[in-house]
């Protein structure tokens, strides 16, 4: 890393954001609070990020002329989602400072590379096997057990590109449902809960973690995040140590979210990594000294990292599809912190916004509290 890359960017510089979704929107808003401008490279002129950025370059992600224009506008480039073409990420890194680097993006884009990296780093995952024309489904089932999931190696998220398998009779149907020539088979995990950790690493190697949170899913989409997670200190420490090890092993400059399972016998298994802000970190906007979005901006701009300290307990709930139509009722409760993403079209399964409910640190953190919070946000 050269001296130019280590020099902090002064206010007035422009942060380039590849992607125009809600994460890009919230990155841009945090950049503005620190005095930076923001430019987004996106596919639609009214994308959520385009609505709040100083510049929006609207083009396909492999449009080189548009990419040239984009790099002329920005001082550093980051990503709001990981499915940017690898060739584009490499091209950008030759023209501008890109954080995190494209090699990290390539690992996160591909479940086979991701799981191989984790296991090579000594980090435990659920049992898995590669699926392709050369790696058959029956052999995979022997490795993961008789029940599991087939997942496309690339581009699947929120339950897309997945198919459940329960025994040999379902192998062919599951393989067809995934609809790809390259995938992974994952064994089912008998888990107690799902958790995640968001960790930031600065250009100087400083590492800072947000607290471990508990995630509850509905229809393969994150529904509710509970901060802090209702786990013991030993498990929380193990999860934090794993997240720090991943950030260090990748030489990360930026932010990475690590999704994990806690098994019923107390083991912590990594499920996925995402080198960007994450849905399970939205609670940090309202409940922490520094949000995940400000932390990302600080990291990629070469500033010292902010304090991730939680000043409140929190429950964050996603507004999926038509849930967003309840915004008047949600906004009417002064205890609710409502965030709407500015998406023009409401579709089933689409994340349209989120709402966070804060509680004192001294609050009893039990199921009754969580249920009451969900009810208040409904």
Protein backbone atom coordinates (compact mmCIF):
# COMPACT_ATOMS: atom_id res chain seq x y z
CA UNK A 1 0.00 0.00 0.00
CA UNK A 2 1.58 3.32 -1.03
CA UNK A 3 1.71 6.62 0.85
CA UNK A 4 -1.01 8.17 -1.27
CA UNK A 5 -3.41 5.42 -0.23
CA UNK A 6 -2.61 5.96 3.46
CA UNK A 7 -3.18 9.74 3.41
CA UNK A 8 -6.61 10.63 4.87
CA UNK A 9 -9.02 12.28 2.47
CA UNK A 10 -9.95 15.81 3.46
CA UNK A 11 -13.58 16.99 3.60
CA UNK A 12 -14.73 17.95 0.13
CA UNK A 13 -13.34 14.77 -1.45
CA UNK A 14 -15.76 12.45 -3.26
CA UNK A 15 -16.54 8.89 -2.23
CA UNK A 16 -17.47 6.70 -5.20
CA UNK A 17 -20.09 4.04 -4.53
CA UNK A 18 -20.52 1.12 -6.91
CA UNK A 19 -24.21 0.27 -6.69
CA UNK A 20 -27.34 2.33 -6.25
CA UNK A 21 -29.37 0.49 -3.60
CA UNK A 22 -30.30 1.38 -0.04
CA UNK A 23 -26.84 0.57 1.30
CA UNK A 24 -25.34 3.08 -1.14
CA UNK A 25 -27.94 5.61 -0.05
CA UNK A 26 -26.98 5.26 3.60
CA UNK A 27 -23.24 5.34 2.79
CA UNK A 28 -23.78 8.64 0.93
CA UNK A 29 -25.74 10.15 3.82
CA UNK A 30 -22.98 9.24 6.28
CA UNK A 31 -20.32 10.58 3.92
CA UNK A 32 -22.17 13.92 3.83
CA UNK A 33 -22.09 14.14 7.64
CA UNK A 34 -18.28 13.94 7.48
CA UNK A 35 -18.10 16.63 4.79
CA UNK A 36 -17.59 14.34 1.80
CA UNK A 37 -19.44 14.33 -1.48
CA UNK A 38 -20.69 11.06 -2.96
CA UNK A 39 -21.05 9.70 -6.48
CA UNK A 40 -22.89 6.51 -7.34
CA UNK A 41 -22.47 4.22 -10.33
CA UNK A 42 -25.86 2.60 -10.76
CA UNK A 43 -28.28 1.16 -13.28
CA UNK A 44 -31.26 3.47 -12.72
CA UNK A 45 -31.51 7.29 -12.51
CA UNK A 46 -33.94 7.09 -9.57
CA UNK A 47 -32.15 4.37 -7.61
CA UNK A 48 -32.12 4.99 -3.84
CA UNK A 49 -28.47 6.11 -3.82
CA UNK A 50 -28.91 8.33 -6.88
CA UNK A 51 -31.55 10.32 -5.01
CA UNK A 52 -29.02 11.56 -2.41
CA UNK A 53 -25.66 11.64 -4.24
CA UNK A 54 -23.99 14.67 -5.82
CA UNK A 55 -23.34 12.65 -9.00
CA UNK A 56 -25.00 9.58 -10.49
CA UNK A 57 -23.42 7.78 -13.42
CA UNK A 58 -26.15 5.56 -14.87
CA UNK A 59 -24.90 2.68 -17.00
CA UNK A 60 -24.25 -1.04 -17.12
CA UNK A 61 -21.46 -2.17 -14.80
CA UNK A 62 -19.21 -3.11 -17.73
CA UNK A 63 -19.61 0.19 -19.64
CA UNK A 64 -16.01 1.38 -19.84
CA UNK A 65 -16.78 4.91 -21.02
CA UNK A 66 -19.14 5.39 -18.09
CA UNK A 67 -16.57 3.91 -15.73
CA UNK A 68 -13.99 6.38 -17.04
CA UNK A 69 -16.40 9.22 -16.26
CA UNK A 70 -17.03 7.81 -12.79
CA UNK A 71 -13.35 7.53 -11.86
CA UNK A 72 -12.79 11.13 -12.98
CA UNK A 73 -15.31 12.24 -10.35
CA UNK A 74 -14.12 10.30 -7.30
CA UNK A 75 -11.19 10.05 -4.90
CA UNK A 76 -11.87 6.55 -3.57
CA UNK A 77 -14.20 3.74 -4.65
CA UNK A 78 -16.16 1.35 -2.45
CA UNK A 79 -18.97 -1.15 -3.00
CA UNK A 80 -22.52 -1.30 -1.69
CA UNK A 81 -23.02 -4.84 -2.95
CA UNK A 82 -20.58 -7.55 -3.93
CA UNK A 83 -21.96 -8.67 -7.27
CA UNK A 84 -19.99 -6.18 -9.34
CA UNK A 85 -18.32 -7.97 -12.29
CA UNK A 86 -14.79 -9.04 -11.38
CA UNK A 87 -13.40 -7.43 -14.53
CA UNK A 88 -14.98 -4.10 -13.59
CA UNK A 89 -13.56 -4.24 -10.07
CA UNK A 90 -10.07 -4.98 -11.41
CA UNK A 91 -10.33 -2.18 -13.99
CA UNK A 92 -11.36 0.28 -11.26
CA UNK A 93 -8.43 -0.72 -9.05
CA UNK A 94 -6.02 0.20 -11.85
CA UNK A 95 -7.57 3.67 -12.13
CA UNK A 96 -8.42 4.59 -8.55
CA UNK A 97 -8.00 3.61 -4.89
CA UNK A 98 -10.54 0.80 -4.35
CA UNK A 99 -11.50 -0.31 -0.83
CA UNK A 100 -12.01 -3.16 -0.12
CA UNK A 101 -9.73 -4.55 -2.81
CA UNK A 102 -11.16 -6.60 -5.70
CA UNK A 103 -9.62 -9.84 -4.42
CA UNK A 104 -11.87 -9.69 -1.34
CA UNK A 105 -14.84 -9.00 -3.58
CA UNK A 106 -14.00 -12.06 -5.71
CA UNK A 107 -13.92 -14.31 -2.64
CA UNK A 108 -17.25 -13.01 -1.35
CA UNK A 109 -18.90 -13.37 -4.78
CA UNK A 110 -18.26 -17.10 -4.98
CA UNK A 111 -19.40 -19.53 -2.28
CA UNK A 112 -16.75 -22.08 -3.23
CA UNK A 113 -13.91 -19.53 -2.94
CA UNK A 114 -15.48 -18.14 0.23
CA UNK A 115 -15.76 -21.47 2.05
CA UNK A 116 -12.32 -22.54 0.87
CA UNK A 117 -10.82 -19.31 2.21
CA UNK A 118 -12.57 -19.73 5.56
CA UNK A 119 -11.54 -23.34 6.02
CA UNK A 120 -7.95 -22.62 4.94
CA UNK A 121 -7.87 -19.88 7.60
CA UNK A 122 -8.88 -22.45 10.22
CA UNK A 123 -12.44 -21.13 10.52
CA UNK A 124 -15.18 -23.71 10.86
CA UNK A 125 -18.21 -23.74 8.55
CA UNK A 126 -21.14 -26.07 8.07
CA UNK A 127 -20.20 -29.22 6.10
CA UNK A 128 -20.14 -28.43 2.41
CA UNK A 129 -19.15 -29.82 -0.97
CA UNK A 130 -18.64 -28.42 -4.44
CA UNK A 131 -21.24 -29.25 -7.08
CA UNK A 132 -20.48 -29.21 -10.80
CA UNK A 133 -20.36 -31.52 -13.77
CA UNK A 134 -17.18 -32.96 -12.27
CA UNK A 135 -18.42 -33.04 -8.67
CA UNK A 136 -21.62 -35.08 -8.57
CA UNK A 137 -24.65 -34.65 -6.35
CA UNK A 138 -24.51 -38.13 -4.80
CA UNK A 139 -20.90 -37.66 -3.72
CA UNK A 140 -21.82 -34.30 -2.20
CA UNK A 141 -24.66 -35.83 -0.23
CA UNK A 142 -22.28 -38.38 1.27
CA UNK A 143 -20.10 -35.53 2.51
CA UNK A 144 -22.83 -33.27 3.97
CA UNK A 145 -25.34 -35.87 5.19
CA UNK A 146 -28.67 -36.89 3.73
CA UNK A 147 -30.32 -33.47 4.17
CA UNK A 148 -29.04 -30.10 3.03
CA UNK A 149 -29.25 -27.17 0.64
CA UNK A 150 -27.99 -26.75 -2.90
CA UNK A 151 -26.96 -23.15 -3.56
CA UNK A 152 -25.67 -21.49 -6.70
CA UNK A 153 -22.00 -20.62 -6.27
CA UNK A 154 -22.58 -17.05 -7.40
CA UNK A 155 -25.21 -14.31 -7.20
CA UNK A 156 -27.81 -16.01 -4.98
CA UNK A 157 -29.17 -14.07 -2.00
CA UNK A 158 -32.28 -13.86 0.21
CA UNK A 159 -33.18 -17.45 -0.63
CA UNK A 160 -32.74 -17.06 -4.39
CA UNK A 161 -30.78 -19.78 -6.22
CA UNK A 162 -31.37 -22.33 -3.47
CA UNK A 163 -33.12 -25.68 -3.20
CA UNK A 164 -33.56 -28.00 -0.22
CA UNK A 165 -32.61 -31.67 -0.47
CA UNK A 166 -34.00 -34.43 1.72
CA UNK A 167 -32.39 -37.65 0.56
CA UNK A 168 -31.34 -39.07 -2.81
CA UNK A 169 -34.84 -38.94 -4.29
CA UNK A 170 -34.68 -35.13 -4.43
CA UNK A 171 -31.19 -34.76 -5.87
CA UNK A 172 -32.09 -34.28 -9.53
CA UNK A 173 -34.97 -31.91 -8.84
CA UNK A 174 -32.83 -29.78 -6.52
CA UNK A 175 -30.00 -29.58 -9.05
CA UNK A 176 -32.44 -28.44 -11.75
CA UNK A 177 -34.02 -25.91 -9.38
CA UNK A 178 -30.68 -24.27 -8.67
CA UNK A 179 -30.29 -23.85 -12.42
CA UNK A 180 -26.53 -23.58 -12.72
CA UNK A 181 -23.49 -25.68 -13.63
CA UNK A 182 -21.55 -24.68 -10.51
CA UNK A 183 -22.94 -24.74 -6.98
CA UNK A 184 -22.34 -25.84 -3.41
CA UNK A 185 -24.10 -28.36 -1.23
CA UNK A 186 -24.40 -27.34 2.42
CA UNK A 187 -25.38 -29.64 5.26
CA UNK A 188 -28.15 -28.55 7.62
CA UNK A 189 -26.93 -27.24 10.97
CA UNK A 190 -28.82 -27.93 14.18
CA UNK A 191 -28.37 -24.38 15.43
CA UNK A 192 -29.57 -22.55 18.50
CA UNK A 193 -29.60 -19.15 16.82
CA UNK A 194 -28.14 -17.12 13.97
CA UNK A 195 -25.81 -14.25 14.78
CA UNK A 196 -23.63 -11.76 12.95
CA UNK A 197 -20.68 -9.49 13.60
CA UNK A 198 -19.71 -6.41 11.61
CA UNK A 199 -16.01 -5.61 11.76
CA UNK A 200 -14.13 -2.64 10.32
CA UNK A 201 -10.43 -2.40 9.56
CA UNK A 202 -8.72 0.86 8.71
CA UNK A 203 -5.89 1.55 6.30
CA UNK A 204 -3.51 1.58 9.28
CA UNK A 205 -4.62 -1.89 10.39
CA UNK A 206 -6.84 -0.68 13.26
CA UNK A 207 -9.72 -3.13 13.86
CA UNK A 208 -13.06 -2.34 15.48
CA UNK A 209 -16.08 -4.63 15.95
CA UNK A 210 -19.71 -3.87 16.57
CA UNK A 211 -21.44 -5.99 19.16
CA UNK A 212 -22.74 -9.46 18.26
CA UNK A 213 -26.40 -9.41 17.20
CA UNK A 214 -29.05 -12.07 16.85
CA UNK A 215 -30.88 -12.49 13.53
CA UNK A 216 -34.29 -13.97 12.86
CA UNK A 217 -35.32 -14.84 9.30
CA UNK A 218 -38.67 -15.30 7.59
CA UNK A 219 -38.91 -16.93 4.13
CA UNK A 220 -35.08 -16.83 3.84
CA UNK A 221 -35.04 -13.01 4.31
CA UNK A 222 -33.80 -11.23 7.42
CA UNK A 223 -36.85 -10.15 9.41
CA UNK A 224 -35.55 -8.99 12.80
CA UNK A 225 -32.17 -8.14 14.33
CA UNK A 226 -31.80 -8.05 18.11
CA UNK A 227 -28.90 -6.09 19.64
CA UNK A 228 -27.22 -7.40 21.66
CA UNK A 229 -27.61 -11.09 20.87
CA UNK A 230 -28.97 -13.19 23.73
CA UNK A 231 -25.88 -15.39 24.01
CA UNK A 232 -23.30 -15.94 26.70
CA UNK A 233 -20.03 -13.99 26.85
CA UNK A 234 -17.91 -16.97 25.78
CA UNK A 235 -19.84 -17.40 22.52
CA UNK A 236 -19.82 -13.64 21.88
CA UNK A 237 -16.04 -13.51 22.37
CA UNK A 238 -15.58 -16.44 19.97
CA UNK A 239 -17.70 -14.70 17.31
CA UNK A 240 -15.74 -11.45 17.68
CA UNK A 241 -12.43 -13.32 17.44
CA UNK A 242 -13.57 -15.03 14.21
CA UNK A 243 -14.63 -11.72 12.66
CA UNK A 244 -11.29 -10.09 13.53
CA UNK A 245 -9.39 -13.07 12.12
CA UNK A 246 -11.28 -12.80 8.83
CA UNK A 247 -10.63 -9.06 8.52
CA UNK A 248 -6.93 -9.55 9.26
CA UNK A 249 -6.52 -12.55 6.94
CA UNK A 250 -8.05 -10.55 4.08
CA UNK A 251 -6.00 -7.39 4.81
CA UNK A 252 -9.35 -5.65 4.68
CA UNK A 253 -9.67 -1.90 4.40
CA UNK A 254 -13.35 -1.24 4.88
CA UNK A 255 -16.15 -3.18 6.49
CA UNK A 256 -17.15 -6.84 6.47
CA UNK A 257 -20.20 -8.59 7.89
CA UNK A 258 -19.81 -12.18 9.12
CA UNK A 259 -22.97 -14.27 9.43
CA UNK A 260 -22.71 -17.25 11.77
CA UNK A 261 -24.62 -20.12 13.35
CA UNK A 262 -24.44 -20.95 17.04
CA UNK A 263 -24.94 -24.68 17.39
CA UNK A 264 -26.78 -26.27 20.31
CA UNK A 265 -23.47 -27.52 21.68
CA UNK A 266 -22.02 -23.98 21.65
CA UNK A 267 -19.87 -24.01 18.50
CA UNK A 268 -19.76 -20.96 16.22
CA UNK A 269 -19.84 -21.74 12.47
CA UNK A 270 -19.46 -19.12 9.75
CA UNK A 271 -22.21 -19.12 7.14
CA UNK A 272 -21.35 -16.20 4.84
CA UNK A 273 -19.25 -13.04 4.62
CA UNK A 274 -20.15 -9.76 2.93
CA UNK A 275 -17.49 -7.04 2.47
CA UNK A 276 -19.89 -4.12 2.77
CA UNK A 277 -22.50 -2.72 5.17
CA UNK A 278 -25.10 -5.32 6.05
CA UNK A 279 -28.82 -5.47 6.76
CA UNK A 280 -28.08 -6.84 10.23
CA UNK A 281 -26.10 -3.67 11.02
CA UNK A 282 -28.85 -1.12 10.37
CA UNK A 283 -29.59 -0.88 14.10
CA UNK A 284 -26.22 0.86 14.52
CA UNK A 285 -27.60 4.03 12.88
CA UNK A 286 -29.76 4.73 15.92
CA UNK A 287 -28.15 2.73 18.74
CA UNK A 288 -24.39 3.28 18.44
CA UNK A 289 -21.95 6.16 18.75
CA UNK A 290 -20.76 5.38 15.20
CA UNK A 291 -22.98 3.64 12.65
CA UNK A 292 -21.74 0.91 10.31
CA UNK A 293 -22.06 3.38 7.43
CA UNK A 294 -19.97 6.10 9.06
CA UNK A 295 -17.43 3.43 10.01
CA UNK A 296 -17.14 2.33 6.38
CA UNK A 297 -16.65 5.93 5.21
CA UNK A 298 -14.01 6.48 7.89
CA UNK A 299 -12.15 3.31 6.88
CA UNK A 300 -12.12 3.88 3.12
CA UNK A 301 -11.23 7.57 3.48
CA UNK A 302 -8.30 6.83 5.77
CA UNK A 303 -9.76 8.41 8.92
CA UNK A 304 -9.41 6.89 12.39
CA UNK A 305 -12.25 4.49 13.11
CA UNK A 306 -15.12 5.70 15.26
CA UNK A 307 -16.34 4.18 18.53
CA UNK A 308 -18.77 1.31 17.81
CA UNK A 309 -20.12 1.46 21.36
CA UNK A 310 -23.81 0.67 21.77
CA UNK A 311 -25.65 3.29 23.85
CA UNK A 312 -29.01 1.48 23.70
CA UNK A 313 -30.43 -1.98 23.29
CA UNK A 314 -32.23 -2.23 19.96
CA UNK A 315 -34.60 -4.26 17.84
CA UNK A 316 -34.50 -3.66 14.08
CA UNK A 317 -37.24 -4.97 11.81
CA UNK A 318 -37.26 -4.97 8.02
CA UNK A 319 -40.17 -3.62 6.03
CA UNK A 320 -40.57 -6.19 3.25
CA UNK A 321 -42.85 -5.59 0.29
CA UNK A 322 -46.21 -4.22 1.35
CA UNK A 323 -45.03 -3.87 4.97
CA UNK A 324 -43.91 -0.39 3.94
CA UNK A 325 -47.55 0.64 3.42
CA UNK A 326 -47.87 0.71 7.20
CA UNK A 327 -45.50 3.66 7.42
CA UNK A 328 -48.16 6.10 8.73
CA UNK A 329 -48.90 3.85 11.72
CA UNK A 330 -45.22 3.19 12.35
CA UNK A 331 -44.31 6.89 12.12
CA UNK A 332 -47.18 7.78 14.45
CA UNK A 333 -45.38 6.04 17.33
CA UNK A 334 -42.71 8.50 18.52
CA UNK A 335 -40.56 5.64 19.88
CA UNK A 336 -40.08 4.13 16.41
CA UNK A 337 -37.11 5.13 14.24
CA UNK A 338 -38.38 4.76 10.67
CA UNK A 339 -36.10 4.51 7.62
CA UNK A 340 -37.63 4.40 4.10
CA UNK A 341 -35.34 3.61 1.17
CA UNK A 342 -37.01 5.55 -1.64
CA UNK A 343 -37.70 2.59 -3.90
CA UNK A 344 -40.38 3.35 -6.47
CA UNK A 345 -41.85 -0.12 -6.88
CA UNK A 346 -43.12 -2.33 -4.08
CA UNK A 347 -42.62 -6.03 -4.77
CA UNK A 348 -43.02 -9.15 -2.63
CA UNK A 349 -39.71 -9.95 -0.91
CA UNK A 350 -38.21 -6.53 -1.66
CA UNK A 351 -36.64 -4.61 1.21
CA UNK A 352 -38.41 -1.26 1.26
CA UNK A 353 -37.21 0.12 4.59
CA UNK A 354 -36.65 -0.74 8.22
CA UNK A 355 -37.72 0.42 11.65
CA UNK A 356 -35.68 0.37 14.86
CA UNK A 357 -36.91 0.43 18.45
CA UNK A 358 -34.50 1.49 21.21
CA UNK A 359 -34.45 0.39 24.85
CA UNK A 360 -32.27 1.43 27.81
CA UNK A 361 -29.12 -0.61 28.39
CA UNK A 362 -30.58 -1.57 31.76
CA UNK A 363 -33.72 -3.09 30.19
CA UNK A 364 -34.39 -6.75 30.89
CA UNK A 365 -33.47 -8.39 27.59
CA UNK A 366 -35.95 -11.24 27.38
CA UNK A 367 -38.40 -12.65 24.87
CA UNK A 368 -41.19 -10.49 26.26
CA UNK A 369 -39.23 -7.34 25.49
CA UNK A 370 -38.52 -8.47 21.93
CA UNK A 371 -42.12 -9.46 21.28
CA UNK A 372 -43.34 -6.11 22.61
CA UNK A 373 -40.91 -4.30 20.31
CA UNK A 374 -42.12 -6.23 17.26
CA UNK A 375 -45.72 -5.50 18.15
CA UNK A 376 -44.96 -1.79 18.51
CA UNK A 377 -43.41 -1.74 15.04
CA UNK A 378 -46.23 -3.68 13.35
